[in-house]
PDB file of N, CA and C in Angstrom:
ATOM      1  N   MET A   1      21.193 -18.046 -15.650  1.00  0.00           N
ATOM      2  CA  MET A   1      20.537 -18.838 -14.609  1.00  0.00           C
ATOM      3  C   MET A   1      19.153 -17.971 -14.025  1.00  0.00           C
ATOM      4  N   ALA A   2      18.353 -19.159 -14.014  1.00  0.00           N
ATOM      5  CA  ALA A   2      16.891 -18.611 -13.659  1.00  0.00           C
ATOM      6  C   ALA A   2      17.196 -18.269 -12.220  1.00  0.00           C
ATOM      7  N   PRO A   3      15.886 -17.099 -11.523  1.00  0.00           N
ATOM      8  CA  PRO A   3      15.967 -17.177 -10.753  1.00  0.00           C
ATOM      9  C   PRO A   3      15.596 -18.583  -9.423  1.00  0.00           C
ATOM     10  N   ILE A   4      15.869 -17.949  -8.208  1.00  0.00           N
ATOM     11  CA  ILE A   4      15.829 -19.096  -7.165  1.00  0.00           C
ATOM     12  C   ILE A   4      14.347 -18.440  -6.406  1.00  0.00           C
ATOM     13  N   GLU A   5      13.555 -19.708  -6.241  1.00  0.00           N
ATOM     14  CA  GLU A   5      12.408 -19.381  -5.592  1.00  0.00           C
ATOM     15  C   GLU A   5      12.347 -19.824  -4.460  1.00  0.00           C
ATOM     16  N   ARG A   6      12.069 -19.671  -3.727  1.00  0.00           N
ATOM     17  CA  ARG A   6      12.154 -20.265  -1.900  1.00  0.00           C
ATOM     18  C   ARG A   6      10.827 -20.191  -1.626  1.00  0.00           C
ATOM     19  N   ILE A   7      10.266 -21.504  -1.182  1.00  0.00           N
ATOM     20  CA  ILE A   7       9.004 -21.356   0.268  1.00  0.00           C
ATOM     21  C   ILE A   7       9.145 -21.426   1.505  1.00  0.00           C
ATOM     22  N   THR A   8       9.004 -20.947   2.510  1.00  0.00           N
ATOM     23  CA  THR A   8       8.715 -21.098   3.895  1.00  0.00           C
ATOM     24  C   THR A   8       7.991 -21.038   4.120  1.00  0.00           C
ATOM     25  N   LEU A   9       7.616 -22.029   5.093  1.00  0.00           N
ATOM     26  CA  LEU A   9       5.866 -22.013   5.921  1.00  0.00           C
ATOM     27  C   LEU A   9       6.378 -22.337   7.687  1.00  0.00           C
ATOM     28  N   PHE A  10       5.469 -21.620   8.029  1.00  0.00           N
ATOM     29  CA  PHE A  10       5.602 -21.651   9.494  1.00  0.00           C
ATOM     30  C   PHE A  10       4.169 -21.860  10.526  1.00  0.00           C
ATOM     31  N   ASN A  11       4.402 -22.297  11.374  1.00  0.00           N
ATOM     32  CA  ASN A  11       3.186 -22.462  12.539  1.00  0.00           C
ATOM     33  C   ASN A  11       3.355 -21.550  13.251  1.00  0.00           C
ATOM     34  N   ILE A  12       2.431 -20.702  13.297  1.00  0.00           N
ATOM     35  CA  ILE A  12       2.072 -19.491  14.226  1.00  0.00           C
ATOM     36  C   ILE A  12       1.185 -19.380  14.965  1.00  0.00           C
ATOM     37  N   PRO A  13       1.046 -20.256  16.268  1.00  0.00           N
ATOM     38  CA  PRO A  13      -0.442 -20.456  16.679  1.00  0.00           C
ATOM     39  C   PRO A  13      -0.721 -19.475  17.502  1.00  0.00           C
ATOM     40  N   LYS A  14      -0.327 -18.041  17.338  1.00  0.00           N
ATOM     41  CA  LYS A  14      -1.094 -16.629  18.080  1.00  0.00           C
ATOM     42  C   LYS A  14      -1.803 -15.817  16.867  1.00  0.00           C
ATOM     43  N   GLU A  15      -2.701 -15.703  16.526  1.00  0.00           N
ATOM     44  CA  GLU A  15      -2.769 -14.568  15.679  1.00  0.00           C
ATOM     45  C   GLU A  15      -2.010 -12.926  15.330  1.00  0.00           C
ATOM     46  N   GLU A  16      -2.325 -12.680  17.188  1.00  0.00           N
ATOM     47  CA  GLU A  16      -1.351 -11.594  17.077  1.00  0.00           C
ATOM     48  C   GLU A  16       0.107 -11.858  16.731  1.00  0.00           C
ATOM     49  N   ASP A  17       0.825 -13.094  16.836  1.00  0.00           N
ATOM     50  CA  ASP A  17       2.575 -12.805  16.282  1.00  0.00           C
ATOM     51  C   ASP A  17       2.371 -13.551  15.044  1.00  0.00           C
ATOM     52  N   ARG A  18       1.313 -13.901  14.617  1.00  0.00           N
ATOM     53  CA  ARG A  18       1.201 -14.017  12.976  1.00  0.00           C
ATOM     54  C   ARG A  18       1.092 -12.402  12.213  1.00  0.00           C
ATOM     55  N   LEU A  19       0.453 -11.627  12.874  1.00  0.00           N
ATOM     56  CA  LEU A  19       0.133  -9.959  12.594  1.00  0.00           C
ATOM     57  C   LEU A  19       1.522  -9.137  12.754  1.00  0.00           C
ATOM     58  N   ARG A  20       2.394  -9.829  13.726  1.00  0.00           N
ATOM     59  CA  ARG A  20       3.412  -9.199  14.096  1.00  0.00           C
ATOM     60  C   ARG A  20       4.214  -9.707  12.720  1.00  0.00           C
ATOM     61  N   LEU A  21       4.416 -10.878  12.821  1.00  0.00           N
ATOM     62  CA  LEU A  21       5.303 -11.496  11.556  1.00  0.00           C
ATOM     63  C   LEU A  21       4.989 -10.658   9.894  1.00  0.00           C
ATOM     64  N   VAL A  22       3.802 -10.285   9.909  1.00  0.00           N
ATOM     65  CA  VAL A  22       3.521  -9.359   8.951  1.00  0.00           C
ATOM     66  C   VAL A  22       4.099  -8.224   8.327  1.00  0.00           C
ATOM     67  N   GLU A  23       4.856  -7.578   9.865  1.00  0.00           N
ATOM     68  CA  GLU A  23       5.378  -6.403  10.120  1.00  0.00           C
ATOM     69  C   GLU A  23       6.633  -6.497   9.777  1.00  0.00           C
ATOM     70  N   GLU A  24       6.976  -7.750  10.497  1.00  0.00           N
ATOM     71  CA  GLU A  24       8.518  -8.039  10.273  1.00  0.00           C
ATOM     72  C   GLU A  24       8.974  -8.584   9.013  1.00  0.00           C
ATOM     73  N   TYR A  25       8.270  -8.918   8.149  1.00  0.00           N
ATOM     74  CA  TYR A  25       8.564  -9.156   6.882  1.00  0.00           C
ATOM     75  C   TYR A  25       8.471  -8.101   5.920  1.00  0.00           C
ATOM     76  N   LYS A  26       7.889  -6.522   6.404  1.00  0.00           N
ATOM     77  CA  LYS A  26       7.376  -5.146   5.923  1.00  0.00           C
ATOM     78  C   LYS A  26       8.577  -5.082   5.889  1.00  0.00           C
ATOM     79  N   GLN A  27       9.706  -5.207   7.266  1.00  0.00           N
ATOM     80  CA  GLN A  27      10.587  -4.549   7.693  1.00  0.00           C
ATOM     81  C   GLN A  27      12.011  -4.920   6.820  1.00  0.00           C
ATOM     82  N   LEU A  28      11.539  -6.286   6.850  1.00  0.00           N
ATOM     83  CA  LEU A  28      13.032  -7.232   6.069  1.00  0.00           C
ATOM     84  C   LEU A  28      12.600  -6.612   4.965  1.00  0.00           C
ATOM     85  N   SER A  29      11.961  -6.470   3.988  1.00  0.00           N
ATOM     86  CA  SER A  29      11.964  -6.355   2.360  1.00  0.00           C
ATOM     87  C   SER A  29      12.389  -4.893   2.358  1.00  0.00           C
ATOM     88  N   LYS A  30      12.720  -4.084   3.244  1.00  0.00           N
ATOM     89  CA  LYS A  30      13.180  -2.565   3.056  1.00  0.00           C
ATOM     90  C   LYS A  30      14.404  -2.601   3.460  1.00  0.00           C
ATOM     91  N   THR A  31      14.905  -3.673   4.576  1.00  0.00           N
ATOM     92  CA  THR A  31      16.040  -3.298   4.922  1.00  0.00           C
ATOM     93  C   THR A  31      17.205  -4.343   4.786  1.00  0.00           C
ATOM     94  N   ALA A  32      16.823  -5.633   3.705  1.00  0.00           N
ATOM     95  CA  ALA A  32      17.728  -6.339   3.461  1.00  0.00           C
ATOM     96  C   ALA A  32      18.412  -6.126   1.864  1.00  0.00           C
ATOM     97  N   VAL A  33      19.879  -6.143   2.802  1.00  0.00           N
ATOM     98  CA  VAL A  33      21.105  -5.631   1.625  1.00  0.00           C
ATOM     99  C   VAL A  33      22.236  -6.193   1.899  1.00  0.00           C
ATOM    100  N   LYS A  34      22.932  -6.386   0.661  1.00  0.00           N
ATOM    101  CA  LYS A  34      24.127  -7.227   0.256  1.00  0.00           C
ATOM    102  C   LYS A  34      25.056  -5.982  -0.555  1.00  0.00           C
ATOM    103  N   ASP A  35      25.938  -5.862   0.108  1.00  0.00           N
ATOM    104  CA  ASP A  35      27.012  -4.885  -0.376  1.00  0.00           C
ATOM    105  C   ASP A  35      26.133  -3.421  -0.907  1.00  0.00           C
ATOM    106  N   GLY A  36      25.618  -3.431   0.643  1.00  0.00           N
ATOM    107  CA  GLY A  36      24.566  -1.894   0.532  1.00  0.00           C
ATOM    108  C   GLY A  36      23.872  -2.016  -0.489  1.00  0.00           C
ATOM    109  N   LYS A  37      23.142  -2.973  -1.391  1.00  0.00           N
ATOM    110  CA  LYS A  37      21.723  -2.699  -2.142  1.00  0.00           C
ATOM    111  C   LYS A  37      20.643  -3.645  -1.663  1.00  0.00           C
ATOM    112  N   PRO A  38      19.396  -3.401  -2.077  1.00  0.00           N
ATOM    113  CA  PRO A  38      18.515  -4.974  -2.062  1.00  0.00           C
ATOM    114  C   PRO A  38      19.022  -5.687  -2.851  1.00  0.00           C
ATOM    115  N   TYR A  39      18.879  -6.894  -2.550  1.00  0.00           N
ATOM    116  CA  TYR A  39      19.642  -8.256  -3.213  1.00  0.00           C
ATOM    117  C   TYR A  39      17.987  -9.064  -3.543  1.00  0.00           C
ATOM    118  N   ILE A  40      17.205  -9.292  -2.627  1.00  0.00           N
ATOM    119  CA  ILE A  40      16.224  -9.828  -2.742  1.00  0.00           C
ATOM    120  C   ILE A  40      14.980  -9.339  -3.969  1.00  0.00           C
ATOM    121  N   SER A  41      14.241 -10.125  -5.130  1.00  0.00           N
ATOM    122  CA  SER A  41      14.013  -9.940  -6.076  1.00  0.00           C
ATOM    123  C   SER A  41      12.401  -9.366  -5.563  1.00  0.00           C
ATOM    124  N   ASN A  42      12.221 -10.214  -4.552  1.00  0.00           N
ATOM    125  CA  ASN A  42      10.705 -10.264  -4.670  1.00  0.00           C
ATOM    126  C   ASN A  42      10.201 -11.147  -3.306  1.00  0.00           C
ATOM    127  N   VAL A  43       9.544 -10.498  -2.268  1.00  0.00           N
ATOM    128  CA  VAL A  43       9.114 -11.430  -0.979  1.00  0.00           C
ATOM    129  C   VAL A  43       7.631 -11.113  -0.814  1.00  0.00           C
ATOM    130  N   SER A  44       6.986 -11.878  -0.969  1.00  0.00           N
ATOM    131  CA  SER A  44       5.589 -12.100  -0.542  1.00  0.00           C
ATOM    132  C   SER A  44       5.064 -13.017   0.464  1.00  0.00           C
ATOM    133  N   PHE A  45       3.974 -12.524   1.688  1.00  0.00           N
ATOM    134  CA  PHE A  45       4.043 -12.970   2.178  1.00  0.00           C
ATOM    135  C   PHE A  45       2.483 -12.835   3.652  1.00  0.00           C
ATOM    136  N   GLY A  46       2.305 -13.974   4.197  1.00  0.00           N
ATOM    137  CA  GLY A  46       0.934 -13.808   4.420  1.00  0.00           C
ATOM    138  C   GLY A  46       0.346 -14.885   5.197  1.00  0.00           C
ATOM    139  N   PRO A  47      -0.713 -14.631   6.370  1.00  0.00           N
ATOM    140  CA  PRO A  47      -0.791 -16.061   7.259  1.00  0.00           C
ATOM    141  C   PRO A  47      -2.117 -16.683   6.115  1.00  0.00           C
ATOM    142  N   GLY A  48      -2.063 -17.775   6.368  1.00  0.00           N
ATOM    143  CA  GLY A  48      -2.597 -18.937   5.594  1.00  0.00           C
ATOM    144  C   GLY A  48      -4.097 -19.043   5.743  1.00  0.00           C
ATOM    145  N   PHE A  49      -4.792 -19.179   5.088  1.00  0.00           N
ATOM    146  CA  PHE A  49      -5.984 -20.006   5.215  1.00  0.00           C
ATOM    147  C   PHE A  49      -6.013 -21.482   5.874  1.00  0.00           C
ATOM    148  N   GLU A  50      -7.195 -21.399   6.803  1.00  0.00           N
ATOM    149  CA  GLU A  50      -7.805 -22.661   7.461  1.00  0.00           C
ATOM    150  C   GLU A  50      -8.199 -23.608   6.952  1.00  0.00           C
ATOM    151  N   ASP A  51      -7.268 -24.520   6.434  1.00  0.00           N
ATOM    152  CA  ASP A  51      -7.558 -26.169   5.694  1.00  0.00           C
ATOM    153  C   ASP A  51      -6.672 -27.310   5.825  1.00  0.00           C
ATOM    154  N   PRO A  52      -7.518 -28.214   6.158  1.00  0.00           N
ATOM    155  CA  PRO A  52      -6.460 -29.441   6.699  1.00  0.00           C
ATOM    156  C   PRO A  52      -5.198 -29.704   5.504  1.00  0.00           C
ATOM    157  N   ARG A  53      -5.415 -29.259   4.264  1.00  0.00           N
ATOM    158  CA  ARG A  53      -4.204 -29.635   3.481  1.00  0.00           C
ATOM    159  C   ARG A  53      -2.615 -29.080   4.197  1.00  0.00           C
ATOM    160  N   SER A  54      -2.945 -28.006   4.990  1.00  0.00           N
ATOM    161  CA  SER A  54      -2.273 -27.096   5.541  1.00  0.00           C
ATOM    162  C   SER A  54      -1.219 -27.551   6.515  1.00  0.00           C
ATOM    163  N   GLN A  55      -1.697 -28.775   6.892  1.00  0.00           N
ATOM    164  CA  GLN A  55      -1.116 -29.750   7.792  1.00  0.00           C
ATOM    165  C   GLN A  55      -0.169 -28.693   9.141  1.00  0.00           C
ATOM    166  N   GLY A  56      -1.089 -27.595   9.615  1.00  0.00           N
ATOM    167  CA  GLY A  56      -0.752 -27.266  10.656  1.00  0.00           C
ATOM    168  C   GLY A  56      -0.233 -25.438  10.135  1.00  0.00           C
ATOM    169  N   TYR A  57       0.635 -25.844   8.899  1.00  0.00           N
ATOM    170  CA  TYR A  57       1.336 -24.528   8.603  1.00  0.00           C
ATOM    171  C   TYR A  57       0.139 -23.302   8.518  1.00  0.00           C
ATOM    172  N   ASN A  58       0.527 -22.047   9.176  1.00  0.00           N
ATOM    173  CA  ASN A  58      -0.447 -21.139   9.002  1.00  0.00           C
ATOM    174  C   ASN A  58       0.002 -20.034   8.284  1.00  0.00           C
ATOM    175  N   PHE A  59       1.339 -19.749   8.151  1.00  0.00           N
ATOM    176  CA  PHE A  59       2.006 -18.615   7.486  1.00  0.00           C
ATOM    177  C   PHE A  59       2.908 -18.929   6.613  1.00  0.00           C
ATOM    178  N   GLY A  60       2.939 -18.150   5.822  1.00  0.00           N
ATOM    179  CA  GLY A  60       3.787 -18.384   4.019  1.00  0.00           C
ATOM    180  C   GLY A  60       4.151 -17.612   3.401  1.00  0.00           C
ATOM    181  N   VAL A  61       5.657 -17.880   3.250  1.00  0.00           N
ATOM    182  CA  VAL A  61       6.157 -16.807   2.523  1.00  0.00           C
ATOM    183  C   VAL A  61       7.260 -17.369   1.304  1.00  0.00           C
ATOM    184  N   LYS A  62       6.954 -16.627   0.207  1.00  0.00           N
ATOM    185  CA  LYS A  62       7.701 -16.812  -1.229  1.00  0.00           C
ATOM    186  C   LYS A  62       8.784 -15.634  -1.325  1.00  0.00           C
ATOM    187  N   THR A  63      10.281 -15.930  -1.091  1.00  0.00           N
ATOM    188  CA  THR A  63      10.866 -15.066  -1.311  1.00  0.00           C
ATOM    189  C   THR A  63      11.648 -15.481  -2.783  1.00  0.00           C
ATOM    190  N   THR A  64      12.236 -14.571  -3.670  1.00  0.00           N
ATOM    191  CA  THR A  64      13.086 -14.559  -5.335  1.00  0.00           C
ATOM    192  C   THR A  64      14.430 -14.211  -5.514  1.00  0.00           C
ATOM    193  N   PHE A  65      14.927 -14.987  -5.466  1.00  0.00           N
ATOM    194  CA  PHE A  65      16.696 -14.388  -5.640  1.00  0.00           C
ATOM    195  C   PHE A  65      17.071 -14.664  -6.528  1.00  0.00           C
ATOM    196  N   ALA A  66      18.223 -13.405  -6.858  1.00  0.00           N
ATOM    197  CA  ALA A  66      18.813 -13.630  -8.380  1.00  0.00           C
ATOM    198  C   ALA A  66      19.610 -15.190  -8.659  1.00  0.00           C
ATOM    199  N   THR A  67      20.086 -15.291  -7.528  1.00  0.00           N
ATOM    200  CA  THR A  67      21.047 -16.409  -7.931  1.00  0.00           C
ATOM    201  C   THR A  67      21.270 -17.036  -6.056  1.00  0.00           C
ATOM    202  N   ILE A  68      21.642 -18.590  -6.469  1.00  0.00           N
ATOM    203  CA  ILE A  68      21.549 -19.446  -5.403  1.00  0.00           C
ATOM    204  C   ILE A  68      22.499 -18.871  -3.995  1.00  0.00           C
ATOM    205  N   ASP A  69      23.750 -17.762  -4.917  1.00  0.00           N
ATOM    206  CA  ASP A  69      24.538 -17.420  -3.560  1.00  0.00           C
ATOM    207  C   ASP A  69      23.686 -15.898  -2.465  1.00  0.00           C
ATOM    208  N   ASP A  70      22.933 -15.857  -3.659  1.00  0.00           N
ATOM    209  CA  ASP A  70      21.811 -14.372  -2.865  1.00  0.00           C
ATOM    210  C   ASP A  70      21.313 -15.349  -2.287  1.00  0.00           C
ATOM    211  N   MET A  71      20.973 -16.372  -1.932  1.00  0.00           N
ATOM    212  CA  MET A  71      20.036 -17.065  -0.867  1.00  0.00           C
ATOM    213  C   MET A  71      20.962 -17.512   0.147  1.00  0.00           C
ATOM    214  N   ARG A  72      22.144 -18.040  -0.384  1.00  0.00           N
ATOM    215  CA  ARG A  72      23.326 -18.194   1.065  1.00  0.00           C
ATOM    216  C   ARG A  72      23.548 -17.491   1.521  1.00  0.00           C
ATOM    217  N   TYR A  73      23.599 -16.249   1.140  1.00  0.00           N
ATOM    218  CA  TYR A  73      23.928 -14.902   2.060  1.00  0.00           C
ATOM    219  C   TYR A  73      22.461 -14.793   3.031  1.00  0.00           C
ATOM    220  N   TYR A  74      21.149 -14.880   2.620  1.00  0.00           N
ATOM    221  CA  TYR A  74      20.337 -14.537   3.208  1.00  0.00           C
ATOM    222  C   TYR A  74      20.181 -15.751   4.255  1.00  0.00           C
ATOM    223  N   ASP A  75      20.800 -16.845   4.006  1.00  0.00           N
ATOM    224  CA  ASP A  75      20.939 -17.911   5.305  1.00  0.00           C
ATOM    225  C   ASP A  75      21.782 -17.654   6.120  1.00  0.00           C
ATOM    226  N   THR A  76      22.644 -16.815   5.767  1.00  0.00           N
ATOM    227  CA  THR A  76      23.965 -16.960   6.756  1.00  0.00           C
ATOM    228  C   THR A  76      24.378 -15.753   7.083  1.00  0.00           C
ATOM    229  N   THR A  77      24.151 -14.425   6.259  1.00  0.00           N
ATOM    230  CA  THR A  77      24.826 -13.069   6.588  1.00  0.00           C
ATOM    231  C   THR A  77      24.140 -12.201   6.807  1.00  0.00           C
ATOM    232  N   CYS A  78      22.687 -12.258   5.976  1.00  0.00           N
ATOM    233  CA  CYS A  78      22.414 -11.102   6.263  1.00  0.00           C
ATOM    234  C   CYS A  78      21.440 -10.555   7.539  1.00  0.00           C
ATOM    235  N   GLU A  79      21.809  -9.412   7.783  1.00  0.00           N
ATOM    236  CA  GLU A  79      21.382  -8.973   9.320  1.00  0.00           C
ATOM    237  C   GLU A  79      19.816  -8.675   9.423  1.00  0.00           C
ATOM    238  N   ALA A  80      18.983  -8.422   8.492  1.00  0.00           N
ATOM    239  CA  ALA A  80      17.518  -8.275   8.626  1.00  0.00           C
ATOM    240  C   ALA A  80      17.177  -9.772   8.472  1.00  0.00           C
ATOM    241  N   HIS A  81      17.522 -10.810   8.130  1.00  0.00           N
ATOM    242  CA  HIS A  81      16.991 -11.973   7.723  1.00  0.00           C
ATOM    243  C   HIS A  81      17.389 -12.568   9.230  1.00  0.00           C
ATOM    244  N   LYS A  82      18.514 -12.015   9.923  1.00  0.00           N
ATOM    245  CA  LYS A  82      18.943 -12.575  11.533  1.00  0.00           C
ATOM    246  C   LYS A  82      17.536 -12.319  12.614  1.00  0.00           C
ATOM    247  N   THR A  83      17.577 -10.947  12.080  1.00  0.00           N
ATOM    248  CA  THR A  83      16.617 -10.567  13.328  1.00  0.00           C
ATOM    249  C   THR A  83      15.008 -10.918  13.031  1.00  0.00           C
ATOM    250  N   LEU A  84      14.508 -10.910  11.841  1.00  0.00           N
ATOM    251  CA  LEU A  84      13.248 -11.378  11.931  1.00  0.00           C
ATOM    252  C   LEU A  84      13.547 -13.216  12.091  1.00  0.00           C
ATOM    253  N   LYS A  85      14.364 -14.035  11.828  1.00  0.00           N
ATOM    254  CA  LYS A  85      14.639 -15.272  12.530  1.00  0.00           C
ATOM    255  C   LYS A  85      14.246 -15.397  14.082  1.00  0.00           C
ATOM    256  N   ALA A  86      15.173 -14.542  14.260  1.00  0.00           N
ATOM    257  CA  ALA A  86      15.183 -14.108  16.340  1.00  0.00           C
ATOM    258  C   ALA A  86      13.891 -13.927  16.503  1.00  0.00           C
ATOM    259  N   TYR A  87      13.190 -13.225  15.875  1.00  0.00           N
ATOM    260  CA  TYR A  87      11.537 -12.912  16.488  1.00  0.00           C
ATOM    261  C   TYR A  87      10.376 -14.558  16.169  1.00  0.00           C
ATOM    262  N   VAL A  88      10.626 -15.187  14.734  1.00  0.00           N
ATOM    263  CA  VAL A  88      10.777 -16.387  14.587  1.00  0.00           C
ATOM    264  C   VAL A  88      10.209 -17.238  15.700  1.00  0.00           C
ATOM    265  N   GLY A  89      11.981 -17.351  16.075  1.00  0.00           N
ATOM    266  CA  GLY A  89      12.491 -18.869  16.814  1.00  0.00           C
ATOM    267  C   GLY A  89      11.401 -18.286  18.040  1.00  0.00           C
ATOM    268  N   GLY A  90      11.048 -17.229  19.148  1.00  0.00           N
ATOM    269  CA  GLY A  90      10.268 -17.322  19.724  1.00  0.00           C
ATOM    270  C   GLY A  90       8.251 -17.327  19.635  1.00  0.00           C
ATOM    271  N   VAL A  91       8.182 -16.942  18.518  1.00  0.00           N
ATOM    272  CA  VAL A  91       6.909 -17.940  18.631  1.00  0.00           C
ATOM    273  C   VAL A  91       6.414 -18.734  17.684  1.00  0.00           C
ATOM    274  N   ARG A  92       6.939 -19.408  17.219  1.00  0.00           N
ATOM    275  CA  ARG A  92       6.756 -20.515  16.133  1.00  0.00           C
ATOM    276  C   ARG A  92       6.362 -21.871  16.690  1.00  0.00           C
ATOM    277  N   ALA A  93       5.638 -22.712  16.083  1.00  0.00           N
ATOM    278  CA  ALA A  93       5.808 -23.933  16.582  1.00  0.00           C
ATOM    279  C   ALA A  93       6.040 -25.182  15.972  1.00  0.00           C
ATOM    280  N   GLY A  94       6.894 -25.966  16.232  1.00  0.00           N
ATOM    281  CA  GLY A  94       7.316 -27.196  15.372  1.00  0.00           C
ATOM    282  C   GLY A  94       8.087 -26.522  14.348  1.00  0.00           C
ATOM    283  N   ASP A  95       8.385 -27.057  13.228  1.00  0.00           N
ATOM    284  CA  ASP A  95       9.397 -27.003  12.771  1.00  0.00           C
ATOM    285  C   ASP A  95       9.291 -26.054  11.216  1.00  0.00           C
ATOM    286  N   VAL A  96      10.161 -25.299  10.586  1.00  0.00           N
ATOM    287  CA  VAL A  96       9.988 -24.687   9.658  1.00  0.00           C
ATOM    288  C   VAL A  96       9.937 -25.575   8.371  1.00  0.00           C
ATOM    289  N   LEU A  97       9.357 -25.378   7.545  1.00  0.00           N
ATOM    290  CA  LEU A  97       9.526 -26.008   6.288  1.00  0.00           C
ATOM    291  C   LEU A  97       9.645 -25.301   4.991  1.00  0.00           C
ATOM    292  N   THR A  98      11.448 -25.245   4.603  1.00  0.00           N
ATOM    293  CA  THR A  98      11.462 -24.746   3.447  1.00  0.00           C
ATOM    294  C   THR A  98      11.969 -25.135   2.089  1.00  0.00           C
ATOM    295  N   VAL A  99      11.512 -24.902   0.785  1.00  0.00           N
ATOM    296  CA  VAL A  99      11.733 -25.659  -0.043  1.00  0.00           C
ATOM    297  C   VAL A  99      12.285 -24.592  -1.098  1.00  0.00           C
ATOM    298  N   TYR A 100      13.010 -24.633  -1.824  1.00  0.00           N
ATOM    299  CA  TYR A 100      13.696 -23.867  -2.859  1.00  0.00           C
ATOM    300  C   TYR A 100      13.973 -24.603  -4.093  1.00  0.00           C
ATOM    301  N   TYR A 101      13.933 -23.350  -5.369  1.00  0.00           N
ATOM    302  CA  TYR A 101      13.855 -24.692  -6.978  1.00  0.00           C
ATOM    303  C   TYR A 101      14.406 -23.353  -7.836  1.00  0.00           C
ATOM    304  N   GLU A 102      15.063 -23.674  -8.786  1.00  0.00           N
ATOM    305  CA  GLU A 102      15.191 -22.617  -9.886  1.00  0.00           C
ATOM    306  C   GLU A 102      13.819 -22.878 -10.493  1.00  0.00           C
ATOM    307  N   ASN A 103      13.308 -21.711 -10.879  1.00  0.00           N
ATOM    308  CA  ASN A 103      12.079 -20.788 -11.481  1.00  0.00           C
ATOM    309  C   ASN A 103      12.770 -21.511 -12.905  1.00  0.00           C
ATOM    310  N   ALA A 104      11.478 -22.520 -13.525  1.00  0.00           N
ATOM    311  CA  ALA A 104      11.817 -23.197 -15.006  1.00  0.00           C
ATOM    312  C   ALA A 104      10.852 -23.226 -16.109  1.00  0.00           C
ATOM    313  N   ALA A 105      10.054 -21.488 -15.489  1.00  0.00           N
ATOM    314  CA  ALA A 105       9.187 -21.045 -16.004  1.00  0.00           C
ATOM    315  C   ALA A 105       9.875 -20.169 -17.207  1.00  0.00           C
TER     316      ALA A 105
END
């Protein structure tokens, strides 16, 4: 099975909240574990550039998982992700956009 790539986009209105979100993702990268071991293959993230095509989304994250089950664990069980979601819930505007796919490259 090919890796699962997940793209998540947020609208975080305040710049200071976007900067803190960078720190939150750095922490998640260090602390996300499954069965005591890191399970996220790669996480890249950061504030977006201003552009009308962004439709208000101004922070992006690309997360890579070895399996769909790892991604489901991330969504439902991962304590590091729960902490991050609690922070984002208080600073985001509107809906979060998430798309995931099996990497066919």
